[in-house]
């Protein structure tokens, strides 16, 4: 088998206690995400790691800095869904739906 990348779903549940930003950071989860990414990158340097995260947490793709999670990319599921809906519209009506992708 060969994988080009790995996508981790619901990263907000790893970052925040019970997935709720108001409950504070989940330090154990954050350390787990860092170690997971570090291990993947050390053993397989060409594999991409992708975090599915729609929160405003700024350190998801902060690289190999101490406070980052070390993911390569962030997948914003809300943006993806909005974009797919927009592109699914008849071209005649797209001009009325530009707000879906901005």
N, C-alpha and C. Protein backbone atom coordinates (compact mmCIF):
# COMPACT_ATOMS: atom_id res chain seq x y z
N UNK A 1 0.83 -1.19 0.00
CA UNK A 1 0.00 0.00 0.00
C UNK A 1 0.87 1.24 0.00
N UNK A 2 0.29 2.33 -0.54
CA UNK A 2 0.98 3.61 -0.55
C UNK A 2 -0.05 4.71 -0.26
N UNK A 3 0.34 5.63 0.59
CA UNK A 3 -0.52 6.77 0.91
C UNK A 3 0.23 8.05 0.58
N UNK A 4 -0.44 8.98 -0.09
CA UNK A 4 0.14 10.30 -0.34
C UNK A 4 -0.10 11.24 0.83
N UNK A 5 -1.13 10.93 1.61
CA UNK A 5 -1.45 11.81 2.73
C UNK A 5 -2.42 11.15 3.68
N UNK A 6 -2.57 11.79 4.81
CA UNK A 6 -3.51 11.34 5.82
C UNK A 6 -4.30 12.55 6.30
N UNK A 7 -5.63 12.40 6.35
CA UNK A 7 -6.51 13.48 6.80
C UNK A 7 -7.10 13.07 8.14
N UNK A 8 -6.94 13.94 9.12
CA UNK A 8 -7.48 13.70 10.45
C UNK A 8 -8.77 14.50 10.57
N UNK A 9 -9.86 13.83 10.88
CA UNK A 9 -11.17 14.46 10.97
C UNK A 9 -11.41 15.04 12.37
N UNK A 10 -12.22 16.09 12.44
CA UNK A 10 -12.69 16.68 13.70
C UNK A 10 -11.54 17.06 14.63
N UNK A 11 -10.56 17.76 14.09
CA UNK A 11 -9.39 18.15 14.88
C UNK A 11 -9.76 19.05 16.05
N UNK A 12 -10.87 19.77 15.95
CA UNK A 12 -11.29 20.61 17.09
C UNK A 12 -11.51 19.77 18.34
N UNK A 13 -11.90 18.50 18.17
CA UNK A 13 -12.07 17.62 19.32
C UNK A 13 -10.74 17.18 19.91
N UNK A 14 -9.67 17.32 19.16
CA UNK A 14 -8.34 17.05 19.67
C UNK A 14 -7.78 18.29 20.36
N UNK A 15 -8.03 19.46 19.76
CA UNK A 15 -7.45 20.72 20.24
C UNK A 15 -8.10 21.20 21.54
N UNK A 16 -9.43 21.12 21.59
CA UNK A 16 -10.16 21.70 22.72
C UNK A 16 -10.79 20.61 23.57
N UNK A 17 -10.90 20.86 24.86
CA UNK A 17 -11.52 19.92 25.78
C UNK A 17 -12.96 19.68 25.34
N UNK A 18 -13.29 18.44 25.07
CA UNK A 18 -14.60 18.01 24.57
C UNK A 18 -15.02 18.80 23.33
N UNK A 19 -14.05 19.26 22.53
CA UNK A 19 -14.33 19.99 21.30
C UNK A 19 -14.90 21.38 21.48
N UNK A 20 -14.86 21.89 22.71
CA UNK A 20 -15.47 23.19 23.03
C UNK A 20 -14.40 24.21 23.39
N UNK A 21 -14.17 25.22 22.54
CA UNK A 21 -13.14 26.23 22.82
C UNK A 21 -13.32 26.93 24.16
N UNK A 22 -14.55 27.07 24.62
CA UNK A 22 -14.78 27.75 25.91
C UNK A 22 -14.28 26.93 27.09
N UNK A 23 -14.03 25.64 26.89
CA UNK A 23 -13.52 24.78 27.97
C UNK A 23 -12.00 24.74 28.02
N UNK A 24 -11.36 25.42 27.07
CA UNK A 24 -9.90 25.49 27.07
C UNK A 24 -9.25 24.44 26.19
N UNK A 25 -7.95 24.58 26.05
CA UNK A 25 -7.17 23.66 25.21
C UNK A 25 -7.03 22.31 25.89
N UNK A 26 -7.03 21.29 25.07
CA UNK A 26 -6.78 19.92 25.51
C UNK A 26 -5.29 19.65 25.28
N UNK A 27 -4.49 19.87 26.29
CA UNK A 27 -3.04 19.78 26.13
C UNK A 27 -2.58 18.38 25.72
N UNK A 28 -3.24 17.36 26.22
CA UNK A 28 -2.91 15.99 25.81
C UNK A 28 -3.22 15.75 24.35
N UNK A 29 -4.33 16.28 23.88
CA UNK A 29 -4.70 16.14 22.47
C UNK A 29 -3.75 16.89 21.56
N UNK A 30 -3.35 18.09 21.99
CA UNK A 30 -2.40 18.89 21.21
C UNK A 30 -1.07 18.17 21.10
N UNK A 31 -0.61 17.61 22.19
CA UNK A 31 0.66 16.85 22.17
C UNK A 31 0.53 15.62 21.28
N UNK A 32 -0.62 14.94 21.33
CA UNK A 32 -0.86 13.79 20.46
C UNK A 32 -0.76 14.19 18.99
N UNK A 33 -1.41 15.31 18.61
CA UNK A 33 -1.38 15.76 17.22
C UNK A 33 0.04 16.08 16.77
N UNK A 34 0.79 16.74 17.62
CA UNK A 34 2.20 17.05 17.29
C UNK A 34 3.00 15.78 17.07
N UNK A 35 2.87 14.85 18.00
CA UNK A 35 3.66 13.61 17.90
C UNK A 35 3.24 12.78 16.70
N UNK A 36 1.94 12.76 16.41
CA UNK A 36 1.46 12.04 15.23
C UNK A 36 2.09 12.62 13.97
N UNK A 37 2.01 13.95 13.83
CA UNK A 37 2.58 14.60 12.64
C UNK A 37 4.08 14.44 12.57
N UNK A 38 4.76 14.59 13.68
CA UNK A 38 6.22 14.43 13.69
C UNK A 38 6.62 13.02 13.28
N UNK A 39 5.90 12.02 13.79
CA UNK A 39 6.21 10.63 13.47
C UNK A 39 5.97 10.35 11.98
N UNK A 40 4.83 10.80 11.47
CA UNK A 40 4.53 10.60 10.04
C UNK A 40 5.60 11.26 9.18
N UNK A 41 5.96 12.52 9.50
CA UNK A 41 6.94 13.24 8.69
C UNK A 41 8.35 12.64 8.80
N UNK A 42 8.71 12.12 9.96
CA UNK A 42 10.03 11.51 10.12
C UNK A 42 10.13 10.20 9.34
N UNK A 43 9.09 9.39 9.42
CA UNK A 43 9.13 8.08 8.77
C UNK A 43 8.80 8.13 7.28
N UNK A 44 7.98 9.11 6.90
CA UNK A 44 7.53 9.22 5.50
C UNK A 44 7.52 10.70 5.11
N UNK A 45 8.67 11.27 4.79
CA UNK A 45 8.78 12.72 4.55
C UNK A 45 7.93 13.26 3.41
N UNK A 46 7.51 12.41 2.48
CA UNK A 46 6.71 12.91 1.36
C UNK A 46 5.20 12.85 1.61
N UNK A 47 4.79 12.27 2.72
CA UNK A 47 3.37 12.15 3.04
C UNK A 47 2.85 13.47 3.62
N UNK A 48 1.70 13.92 3.12
CA UNK A 48 1.06 15.15 3.63
C UNK A 48 0.14 14.79 4.79
N UNK A 49 0.09 15.67 5.78
CA UNK A 49 -0.90 15.52 6.84
C UNK A 49 -1.87 16.69 6.76
N UNK A 50 -3.15 16.36 6.84
CA UNK A 50 -4.21 17.35 6.63
C UNK A 50 -5.17 17.30 7.82
N UNK A 51 -5.45 18.47 8.37
CA UNK A 51 -6.36 18.58 9.51
C UNK A 51 -7.70 19.11 9.02
N UNK A 52 -8.79 18.38 9.29
CA UNK A 52 -10.12 18.91 9.02
C UNK A 52 -10.49 19.75 10.24
N UNK A 53 -10.50 21.06 10.05
CA UNK A 53 -10.74 21.95 11.18
C UNK A 53 -11.36 23.25 10.68
N UNK A 54 -12.51 23.60 11.24
CA UNK A 54 -13.19 24.83 10.85
C UNK A 54 -13.13 25.88 11.95
N UNK A 55 -12.28 25.68 12.94
CA UNK A 55 -12.17 26.65 14.03
C UNK A 55 -11.18 27.75 13.65
N UNK A 56 -11.08 28.72 14.52
CA UNK A 56 -10.14 29.83 14.31
C UNK A 56 -8.79 29.56 14.98
N UNK A 57 -8.55 28.34 15.41
CA UNK A 57 -7.27 27.99 16.04
C UNK A 57 -6.16 28.21 15.02
N UNK A 58 -5.23 29.09 15.35
CA UNK A 58 -4.24 29.55 14.36
C UNK A 58 -3.00 28.67 14.24
N UNK A 59 -2.82 27.72 15.11
CA UNK A 59 -1.57 26.96 15.14
C UNK A 59 -1.64 25.60 14.45
N UNK A 60 -2.70 25.32 13.73
CA UNK A 60 -2.86 24.00 13.11
C UNK A 60 -1.74 23.72 12.12
N UNK A 61 -1.42 24.68 11.28
CA UNK A 61 -0.39 24.49 10.25
C UNK A 61 0.82 25.37 10.51
N UNK A 62 1.19 25.52 11.75
CA UNK A 62 2.27 26.43 12.10
C UNK A 62 3.65 25.83 11.88
N UNK A 63 3.74 24.76 11.19
CA UNK A 63 5.05 24.18 10.92
C UNK A 63 5.63 23.51 12.15
N UNK A 64 6.91 23.45 12.19
CA UNK A 64 7.58 22.72 13.28
C UNK A 64 8.01 23.66 14.39
N UNK A 65 7.14 24.58 14.74
CA UNK A 65 7.38 25.47 15.87
C UNK A 65 6.78 24.83 17.11
N UNK A 66 7.30 25.15 18.28
CA UNK A 66 6.84 24.49 19.50
C UNK A 66 5.34 24.59 19.75
N UNK A 67 4.70 25.68 19.34
CA UNK A 67 3.27 25.82 19.63
C UNK A 67 2.37 25.39 18.47
N UNK A 68 2.95 24.90 17.40
CA UNK A 68 2.15 24.45 16.26
C UNK A 68 1.77 22.98 16.37
N UNK A 69 0.78 22.57 15.57
CA UNK A 69 0.37 21.17 15.55
C UNK A 69 1.10 20.38 14.48
N UNK A 70 1.80 21.07 13.60
CA UNK A 70 2.67 20.48 12.58
C UNK A 70 1.93 19.81 11.42
N UNK A 71 0.65 20.13 11.22
CA UNK A 71 -0.05 19.66 10.03
C UNK A 71 0.46 20.44 8.82
N UNK A 72 0.43 19.81 7.65
CA UNK A 72 0.84 20.49 6.42
C UNK A 72 -0.27 21.39 5.88
N UNK A 73 -1.51 20.91 5.97
CA UNK A 73 -2.65 21.63 5.39
C UNK A 73 -3.84 21.59 6.34
N UNK A 74 -4.73 22.55 6.14
CA UNK A 74 -5.97 22.63 6.91
C UNK A 74 -7.14 22.54 5.94
N UNK A 75 -8.05 21.62 6.18
CA UNK A 75 -9.21 21.38 5.33
C UNK A 75 -10.40 22.02 6.02
N UNK A 76 -10.93 23.08 5.43
CA UNK A 76 -12.09 23.77 5.99
C UNK A 76 -13.34 23.20 5.33
N UNK A 77 -14.02 22.32 6.03
CA UNK A 77 -15.16 21.61 5.48
C UNK A 77 -16.30 22.55 5.09
N UNK A 78 -16.52 23.62 5.87
CA UNK A 78 -17.57 24.58 5.54
C UNK A 78 -17.31 25.25 4.21
N UNK A 79 -16.07 25.66 3.99
CA UNK A 79 -15.71 26.31 2.72
C UNK A 79 -15.91 25.34 1.56
N UNK A 80 -15.50 24.10 1.76
CA UNK A 80 -15.63 23.10 0.71
C UNK A 80 -17.10 22.91 0.33
N UNK A 81 -17.97 22.77 1.33
CA UNK A 81 -19.39 22.57 1.05
C UNK A 81 -20.00 23.77 0.33
N UNK A 82 -19.66 24.97 0.78
CA UNK A 82 -20.17 26.18 0.13
C UNK A 82 -19.71 26.26 -1.32
N UNK A 83 -18.45 25.93 -1.56
CA UNK A 83 -17.91 25.98 -2.91
C UNK A 83 -18.58 24.96 -3.83
N UNK A 84 -18.79 23.75 -3.32
CA UNK A 84 -19.46 22.73 -4.13
C UNK A 84 -20.89 23.14 -4.48
N UNK A 85 -21.60 23.75 -3.52
CA UNK A 85 -22.96 24.23 -3.81
C UNK A 85 -22.93 25.31 -4.88
N UNK A 86 -21.98 26.22 -4.77
CA UNK A 86 -21.86 27.31 -5.75
C UNK A 86 -21.60 26.75 -7.15
N UNK A 87 -20.64 25.85 -7.27
CA UNK A 87 -20.32 25.30 -8.59
C UNK A 87 -21.42 24.40 -9.14
N UNK A 88 -22.31 23.93 -8.28
CA UNK A 88 -23.43 23.11 -8.72
C UNK A 88 -24.58 23.92 -9.28
N UNK A 89 -24.54 25.22 -9.13
CA UNK A 89 -25.62 26.08 -9.63
C UNK A 89 -25.53 26.27 -11.14
N UNK A 90 -26.67 26.48 -11.73
CA UNK A 90 -26.72 26.83 -13.15
C UNK A 90 -25.94 28.13 -13.35
N UNK A 91 -25.09 28.21 -14.38
CA UNK A 91 -24.28 29.42 -14.59
C UNK A 91 -25.09 30.72 -14.63
N UNK A 92 -26.32 30.65 -15.07
CA UNK A 92 -27.17 31.84 -15.13
C UNK A 92 -27.41 32.42 -13.73
N UNK A 93 -27.45 31.56 -12.71
CA UNK A 93 -27.79 32.00 -11.36
C UNK A 93 -26.57 32.22 -10.45
N UNK A 94 -25.40 31.90 -10.94
CA UNK A 94 -24.20 32.04 -10.10
C UNK A 94 -23.96 33.48 -9.66
N UNK A 95 -24.32 34.44 -10.50
CA UNK A 95 -24.08 35.84 -10.14
C UNK A 95 -24.87 36.25 -8.89
N UNK A 96 -25.90 35.50 -8.55
CA UNK A 96 -26.68 35.79 -7.35
C UNK A 96 -26.17 35.03 -6.12
N UNK A 97 -25.14 34.24 -6.31
CA UNK A 97 -24.65 33.39 -5.22
C UNK A 97 -23.17 33.59 -4.91
N UNK A 98 -22.59 34.68 -5.38
CA UNK A 98 -21.16 34.91 -5.13
C UNK A 98 -20.83 34.97 -3.64
N UNK A 99 -21.79 35.37 -2.82
CA UNK A 99 -21.54 35.44 -1.37
C UNK A 99 -21.28 34.06 -0.76
N UNK A 100 -21.60 33.00 -1.46
CA UNK A 100 -21.36 31.66 -0.93
C UNK A 100 -19.88 31.29 -0.94
N UNK A 101 -19.08 31.98 -1.75
CA UNK A 101 -17.67 31.60 -1.83
C UNK A 101 -16.73 32.73 -1.42
N UNK A 102 -17.26 33.78 -0.83
CA UNK A 102 -16.38 34.88 -0.38
C UNK A 102 -16.37 34.97 1.12
